[in-house]
Amino acid sequence: MRMKTKQPRRQRRFLYQAPTHIRHKLMSAHLSEELKKQYPFRSLPVRTGDVVTVMRGDHKGHTGKVIRLDHEKYRIYIEGLVRKKADGSEVPIPVHPSKVQIIKLNLDDEWRKKIVERRMAAKATA
């Protein structure tokens, strides 16, 4: 998944035209210090149900569960992070996954468990 160019124009084009399986990997976030002690890797793609903390921007420090992922716009939506509209209704605020830190992993999914086990095994042999 390495980009073969330094040109910003081509890097942007790669992001805009990336297929779904690559977009999923690009939506990764760093693990918290506690999770880094538990798991031998630094980051993991964000999933619905993960608990994250916003580390940058106006909403720094907000912690909540990921309720939705937008692979097309590379944004995640966090529970409780909302903005009031002029008519009084609330809309969720999108956040880029690089601006958050995963605090608690959602390991209810069998695929996610396999990914974590595979990465642990790979780091153990390296």
N, C-alpha and C. Protein backbone atom coordinates (compact mmCIF):
# COMPACT_ATOMS: atom_id res chain seq x y z
N MET A 1 0.82 -1.19 0.00
CA MET A 1 0.00 0.00 0.00
C MET A 1 0.87 1.25 0.00
N ARG A 2 2.07 1.11 -0.47
CA ARG A 2 2.98 2.23 -0.48
C ARG A 2 2.77 3.08 -1.72
N MET A 3 2.75 4.39 -1.54
CA MET A 3 2.62 5.28 -2.69
C MET A 3 3.99 5.40 -3.35
N LYS A 4 3.98 5.40 -4.66
CA LYS A 4 5.24 5.37 -5.38
C LYS A 4 5.65 6.75 -5.89
N THR A 5 5.02 7.80 -5.37
CA THR A 5 5.34 9.13 -5.84
C THR A 5 5.38 10.10 -4.67
N LYS A 6 6.12 11.19 -4.86
CA LYS A 6 6.17 12.25 -3.87
C LYS A 6 5.29 13.43 -4.30
N GLN A 7 4.82 13.36 -5.53
CA GLN A 7 4.04 14.49 -6.05
C GLN A 7 2.69 14.60 -5.33
N PRO A 8 2.40 15.75 -4.73
CA PRO A 8 1.13 15.93 -4.02
C PRO A 8 -0.09 15.66 -4.91
N ARG A 9 0.02 16.05 -6.16
CA ARG A 9 -1.10 15.85 -7.09
C ARG A 9 -1.43 14.37 -7.23
N ARG A 10 -0.41 13.53 -7.36
CA ARG A 10 -0.64 12.10 -7.53
C ARG A 10 -1.03 11.43 -6.21
N GLN A 11 -0.52 11.94 -5.10
CA GLN A 11 -0.93 11.40 -3.80
C GLN A 11 -2.41 11.68 -3.55
N ARG A 12 -2.86 12.88 -3.88
CA ARG A 12 -4.28 13.21 -3.74
C ARG A 12 -5.12 12.33 -4.65
N ARG A 13 -4.66 12.13 -5.88
CA ARG A 13 -5.39 11.29 -6.82
C ARG A 13 -5.50 9.86 -6.29
N PHE A 14 -4.41 9.36 -5.69
CA PHE A 14 -4.43 8.02 -5.09
C PHE A 14 -5.50 7.92 -4.01
N LEU A 15 -5.59 8.95 -3.15
CA LEU A 15 -6.60 8.96 -2.09
C LEU A 15 -8.01 8.99 -2.65
N TYR A 16 -8.23 9.82 -3.65
CA TYR A 16 -9.58 9.97 -4.21
C TYR A 16 -10.02 8.72 -4.97
N GLN A 17 -9.08 8.01 -5.58
CA GLN A 17 -9.42 6.87 -6.41
C GLN A 17 -9.16 5.52 -5.74
N ALA A 18 -8.79 5.54 -4.47
CA ALA A 18 -8.43 4.30 -3.78
C ALA A 18 -9.62 3.35 -3.67
N PRO A 19 -9.38 2.06 -3.88
CA PRO A 19 -10.46 1.08 -3.70
C PRO A 19 -10.80 0.89 -2.22
N THR A 20 -11.92 0.26 -1.96
CA THR A 20 -12.45 0.14 -0.60
C THR A 20 -11.50 -0.57 0.35
N HIS A 21 -10.83 -1.63 -0.09
CA HIS A 21 -9.96 -2.36 0.83
C HIS A 21 -8.75 -1.54 1.25
N ILE A 22 -8.33 -0.61 0.43
CA ILE A 22 -7.22 0.27 0.79
C ILE A 22 -7.73 1.43 1.64
N ARG A 23 -8.92 1.95 1.32
CA ARG A 23 -9.52 3.02 2.13
C ARG A 23 -9.68 2.57 3.58
N HIS A 24 -10.06 1.32 3.76
CA HIS A 24 -10.25 0.79 5.11
C HIS A 24 -8.93 0.86 5.89
N LYS A 25 -7.83 0.49 5.28
CA LYS A 25 -6.54 0.53 5.95
C LYS A 25 -6.06 1.95 6.20
N LEU A 26 -6.41 2.87 5.29
CA LEU A 26 -6.00 4.26 5.46
C LEU A 26 -6.73 4.92 6.64
N MET A 27 -7.86 4.35 7.04
CA MET A 27 -8.61 4.89 8.17
C MET A 27 -8.14 4.26 9.47
N SER A 28 -6.85 4.37 9.75
CA SER A 28 -6.26 3.79 10.94
C SER A 28 -5.99 4.87 11.98
N ALA A 29 -5.92 4.45 13.22
CA ALA A 29 -5.62 5.36 14.32
C ALA A 29 -4.63 4.68 15.27
N HIS A 30 -3.88 5.50 15.99
CA HIS A 30 -2.92 4.97 16.96
C HIS A 30 -3.64 4.39 18.16
N LEU A 31 -2.98 3.44 18.80
CA LEU A 31 -3.50 2.85 20.03
C LEU A 31 -3.04 3.68 21.22
N SER A 32 -3.79 3.65 22.32
CA SER A 32 -3.41 4.35 23.54
C SER A 32 -2.20 3.65 24.16
N GLU A 33 -1.59 4.30 25.14
CA GLU A 33 -0.41 3.74 25.79
C GLU A 33 -0.72 2.39 26.45
N GLU A 34 -1.92 2.27 27.06
CA GLU A 34 -2.29 1.01 27.71
C GLU A 34 -2.43 -0.12 26.69
N LEU A 35 -3.03 0.19 25.54
CA LEU A 35 -3.20 -0.83 24.50
C LEU A 35 -1.86 -1.19 23.86
N LYS A 36 -0.95 -0.22 23.77
CA LYS A 36 0.38 -0.51 23.21
C LYS A 36 1.15 -1.49 24.08
N LYS A 37 0.92 -1.41 25.40
CA LYS A 37 1.57 -2.37 26.31
C LYS A 37 0.98 -3.77 26.14
N GLN A 38 -0.31 -3.80 25.81
CA GLN A 38 -1.01 -5.08 25.67
C GLN A 38 -0.75 -5.72 24.30
N TYR A 39 -0.68 -4.89 23.26
CA TYR A 39 -0.51 -5.39 21.89
C TYR A 39 0.81 -4.87 21.31
N PRO A 40 1.50 -5.66 20.51
CA PRO A 40 2.81 -5.25 20.01
C PRO A 40 2.78 -4.42 18.72
N PHE A 41 1.69 -3.72 18.46
CA PHE A 41 1.64 -2.87 17.27
C PHE A 41 1.13 -1.48 17.64
N ARG A 42 1.39 -0.51 16.77
CA ARG A 42 1.13 0.88 17.08
C ARG A 42 -0.26 1.34 16.69
N SER A 43 -0.76 0.87 15.54
CA SER A 43 -2.05 1.37 15.06
C SER A 43 -2.88 0.24 14.47
N LEU A 44 -4.17 0.55 14.27
CA LEU A 44 -5.12 -0.43 13.77
C LEU A 44 -6.25 0.34 13.08
N PRO A 45 -6.82 -0.20 12.00
CA PRO A 45 -7.96 0.48 11.38
C PRO A 45 -9.12 0.63 12.37
N VAL A 46 -9.74 1.79 12.37
CA VAL A 46 -10.86 2.09 13.27
C VAL A 46 -12.08 1.32 12.82
N ARG A 47 -12.84 0.78 13.78
CA ARG A 47 -14.08 0.05 13.50
C ARG A 47 -15.21 0.64 14.31
N THR A 48 -16.43 0.41 13.86
CA THR A 48 -17.60 0.80 14.63
C THR A 48 -17.59 0.04 15.95
N GLY A 49 -17.80 0.76 17.04
CA GLY A 49 -17.78 0.14 18.36
C GLY A 49 -16.51 0.40 19.14
N ASP A 50 -15.43 0.81 18.48
CA ASP A 50 -14.21 1.17 19.19
C ASP A 50 -14.46 2.44 20.01
N VAL A 51 -13.80 2.53 21.15
CA VAL A 51 -13.87 3.75 21.97
C VAL A 51 -12.62 4.56 21.67
N VAL A 52 -12.81 5.82 21.28
CA VAL A 52 -11.69 6.67 20.88
C VAL A 52 -11.72 8.00 21.64
N THR A 53 -10.56 8.65 21.68
CA THR A 53 -10.43 10.00 22.24
C THR A 53 -9.90 10.90 21.15
N VAL A 54 -10.49 12.09 21.01
CA VAL A 54 -10.02 13.06 20.04
C VAL A 54 -8.76 13.72 20.61
N MET A 55 -7.68 13.72 19.83
CA MET A 55 -6.39 14.23 20.30
C MET A 55 -6.03 15.60 19.74
N ARG A 56 -6.69 16.01 18.67
CA ARG A 56 -6.38 17.28 18.02
C ARG A 56 -7.66 18.03 17.67
N GLY A 57 -7.53 19.34 17.53
CA GLY A 57 -8.65 20.14 17.05
C GLY A 57 -9.52 20.72 18.16
N ASP A 58 -10.65 21.29 17.77
CA ASP A 58 -11.55 21.98 18.69
C ASP A 58 -12.17 21.03 19.71
N HIS A 59 -12.28 19.76 19.39
CA HIS A 59 -12.95 18.80 20.25
C HIS A 59 -11.96 17.91 20.99
N LYS A 60 -10.75 18.41 21.18
CA LYS A 60 -9.69 17.66 21.86
C LYS A 60 -10.16 17.23 23.24
N GLY A 61 -9.92 15.94 23.55
CA GLY A 61 -10.28 15.42 24.85
C GLY A 61 -11.62 14.70 24.89
N HIS A 62 -12.43 14.85 23.84
CA HIS A 62 -13.73 14.18 23.81
C HIS A 62 -13.53 12.68 23.61
N THR A 63 -14.20 11.89 24.45
CA THR A 63 -14.11 10.43 24.37
C THR A 63 -15.49 9.87 24.07
N GLY A 64 -15.54 8.90 23.16
CA GLY A 64 -16.81 8.27 22.85
C GLY A 64 -16.63 7.08 21.94
N LYS A 65 -17.74 6.39 21.70
CA LYS A 65 -17.75 5.21 20.86
C LYS A 65 -17.94 5.62 19.40
N VAL A 66 -17.25 4.95 18.50
CA VAL A 66 -17.41 5.22 17.07
C VAL A 66 -18.75 4.67 16.63
N ILE A 67 -19.60 5.55 16.08
CA ILE A 67 -20.94 5.11 15.69
C ILE A 67 -21.07 4.91 14.18
N ARG A 68 -20.19 5.56 13.41
CA ARG A 68 -20.29 5.43 11.96
C ARG A 68 -18.96 5.75 11.31
N LEU A 69 -18.68 5.09 10.18
CA LEU A 69 -17.49 5.36 9.39
C LEU A 69 -17.91 5.82 8.00
N ASP A 70 -17.23 6.82 7.48
CA ASP A 70 -17.49 7.29 6.12
C ASP A 70 -16.21 7.05 5.32
N HIS A 71 -16.15 5.92 4.61
CA HIS A 71 -14.94 5.56 3.86
C HIS A 71 -14.74 6.48 2.67
N GLU A 72 -15.81 7.05 2.16
CA GLU A 72 -15.70 7.91 0.98
C GLU A 72 -15.00 9.22 1.32
N LYS A 73 -15.31 9.78 2.49
CA LYS A 73 -14.72 11.07 2.89
C LYS A 73 -13.60 10.91 3.92
N TYR A 74 -13.26 9.66 4.27
CA TYR A 74 -12.22 9.38 5.26
C TYR A 74 -12.53 10.07 6.59
N ARG A 75 -13.73 9.87 7.13
CA ARG A 75 -14.13 10.48 8.39
C ARG A 75 -14.83 9.46 9.27
N ILE A 76 -14.74 9.67 10.59
CA ILE A 76 -15.47 8.84 11.54
C ILE A 76 -16.40 9.75 12.34
N TYR A 77 -17.46 9.15 12.88
CA TYR A 77 -18.42 9.88 13.69
C TYR A 77 -18.44 9.25 15.08
N ILE A 78 -18.32 10.11 16.10
CA ILE A 78 -18.17 9.67 17.48
C ILE A 78 -19.44 10.01 18.27
N GLU A 79 -19.84 9.07 19.10
CA GLU A 79 -21.03 9.24 19.93
C GLU A 79 -20.88 10.46 20.84
N GLY A 80 -21.86 11.34 20.83
CA GLY A 80 -21.85 12.52 21.70
C GLY A 80 -21.17 13.73 21.10
N LEU A 81 -20.50 13.58 19.98
CA LEU A 81 -19.83 14.70 19.33
C LEU A 81 -20.77 15.26 18.27
N VAL A 82 -21.57 16.27 18.67
CA VAL A 82 -22.60 16.80 17.78
C VAL A 82 -22.54 18.32 17.75
N ARG A 83 -23.16 18.88 16.73
CA ARG A 83 -23.27 20.32 16.55
C ARG A 83 -24.75 20.66 16.40
N LYS A 84 -25.17 21.76 17.00
CA LYS A 84 -26.57 22.18 16.87
C LYS A 84 -26.72 23.02 15.61
N LYS A 85 -27.77 22.70 14.85
CA LYS A 85 -28.09 23.47 13.66
C LYS A 85 -28.99 24.64 14.05
N ALA A 86 -29.22 25.53 13.11
CA ALA A 86 -30.03 26.72 13.37
C ALA A 86 -31.45 26.36 13.79
N ASP A 87 -31.98 25.24 13.27
CA ASP A 87 -33.34 24.84 13.62
C ASP A 87 -33.41 24.05 14.93
N GLY A 88 -32.27 23.87 15.61
CA GLY A 88 -32.25 23.19 16.90
C GLY A 88 -31.90 21.72 16.82
N SER A 89 -31.91 21.14 15.64
CA SER A 89 -31.56 19.72 15.52
C SER A 89 -30.05 19.54 15.64
N GLU A 90 -29.64 18.33 16.01
CA GLU A 90 -28.22 18.03 16.20
C GLU A 90 -27.71 17.14 15.08
N VAL A 91 -26.52 17.44 14.60
CA VAL A 91 -25.88 16.63 13.56
C VAL A 91 -24.51 16.21 14.06
N PRO A 92 -24.08 14.97 13.77
CA PRO A 92 -22.76 14.52 14.21
C PRO A 92 -21.64 15.25 13.47
N ILE A 93 -20.53 15.44 14.17
CA ILE A 93 -19.37 16.13 13.60
C ILE A 93 -18.38 15.08 13.09
N PRO A 94 -17.97 15.16 11.82
CA PRO A 94 -16.99 14.20 11.30
C PRO A 94 -15.58 14.54 11.78
N VAL A 95 -14.79 13.49 12.06
CA VAL A 95 -13.41 13.63 12.53
C VAL A 95 -12.53 12.71 11.70
N HIS A 96 -11.36 13.17 11.31
CA HIS A 96 -10.42 12.33 10.59
C HIS A 96 -9.80 11.33 11.56
N PRO A 97 -9.65 10.06 11.15
CA PRO A 97 -9.14 9.04 12.07
C PRO A 97 -7.72 9.30 12.57
N SER A 98 -6.91 10.07 11.85
CA SER A 98 -5.55 10.35 12.32
C SER A 98 -5.56 11.29 13.52
N LYS A 99 -6.69 11.93 13.80
CA LYS A 99 -6.79 12.87 14.91
C LYS A 99 -7.31 12.23 16.19
N VAL A 100 -7.54 10.91 16.14
CA VAL A 100 -8.06 10.23 17.32
C VAL A 100 -7.10 9.13 17.77
N GLN A 101 -7.32 8.65 18.99
CA GLN A 101 -6.52 7.57 19.56
C GLN A 101 -7.50 6.52 20.07
N ILE A 102 -7.24 5.28 19.73
CA ILE A 102 -8.11 4.19 20.16
C ILE A 102 -7.80 3.85 21.61
N ILE A 103 -8.85 3.87 22.45
CA ILE A 103 -8.70 3.57 23.88
C ILE A 103 -9.14 2.15 24.18
N LYS A 104 -10.22 1.71 23.52
CA LYS A 104 -10.75 0.36 23.76
C LYS A 104 -11.14 -0.24 22.43
N LEU A 105 -10.64 -1.45 22.15
CA LEU A 105 -10.94 -2.14 20.90
C LEU A 105 -12.26 -2.89 20.99
N ASN A 106 -12.98 -2.92 19.89
CA ASN A 106 -14.20 -3.71 19.79
C ASN A 106 -13.79 -5.09 19.27
N LEU A 107 -13.71 -6.07 20.16
CA LEU A 107 -13.28 -7.42 19.79
C LEU A 107 -14.45 -8.39 19.68
N ASP A 108 -15.67 -7.86 19.54
CA ASP A 108 -16.85 -8.72 19.38
C ASP A 108 -16.85 -9.41 18.03
N ASP A 109 -16.21 -8.80 17.05
CA ASP A 109 -16.21 -9.32 15.69
C ASP A 109 -15.11 -10.38 15.53
N GLU A 110 -15.46 -11.51 14.90
CA GLU A 110 -14.48 -12.59 14.69
C GLU A 110 -13.35 -12.15 13.77
N TRP A 111 -13.67 -11.35 12.75
CA TRP A 111 -12.64 -10.88 11.82
C TRP A 111 -11.62 -10.02 12.55
N ARG A 112 -12.11 -9.16 13.44
CA ARG A 112 -11.21 -8.27 14.18
C ARG A 112 -10.29 -9.08 15.08
N LYS A 113 -10.83 -10.11 15.73
CA LYS A 113 -10.00 -10.97 16.59
C LYS A 113 -8.90 -11.63 15.78
N LYS A 114 -9.24 -12.11 14.57
CA LYS A 114 -8.25 -12.77 13.72
C LYS A 114 -7.15 -11.79 13.30
N ILE A 115 -7.54 -10.56 13.00
CA ILE A 115 -6.57 -9.54 12.59
C ILE A 115 -5.59 -9.28 13.73
N VAL A 116 -6.10 -9.10 14.94
CA VAL A 116 -5.25 -8.83 16.10
C VAL A 116 -4.32 -10.01 16.37
N GLU A 117 -4.86 -11.23 16.33
CA GLU A 117 -4.03 -12.42 16.56
C GLU A 117 -2.94 -12.55 15.51
N ARG A 118 -3.30 -12.29 14.25
CA ARG A 118 -2.33 -12.39 13.15
C ARG A 118 -1.21 -11.37 13.33
N ARG A 119 -1.56 -10.16 13.73
CA ARG A 119 -0.54 -9.13 13.92
C ARG A 119 0.35 -9.44 15.12
N MET A 120 -0.24 -10.00 16.16
CA MET A 120 0.56 -10.38 17.32
C MET A 120 1.54 -11.49 16.97
N ALA A 121 1.09 -12.45 16.18
CA ALA A 121 1.96 -13.55 15.77
C ALA A 121 3.08 -13.04 14.87
N ALA A 122 2.77 -12.09 14.00
CA ALA A 122 3.78 -11.56 13.09
C ALA A 122 4.85 -10.80 13.86
N LYS A 123 4.45 -10.05 14.89
CA LYS A 123 5.42 -9.30 15.69
C LYS A 123 6.24 -10.23 16.57
N ALA A 124 5.63 -11.34 16.99
CA ALA A 124 6.35 -12.28 17.85
C ALA A 124 7.47 -12.97 17.09
N THR A 125 7.24 -13.27 15.81
CA THR A 125 8.27 -13.95 15.01
C THR A 125 9.34 -12.99 14.50
N ALA A 126 9.01 -11.72 14.42
CA ALA A 126 9.97 -10.73 13.87
C ALA A 126 11.04 -10.36 14.85
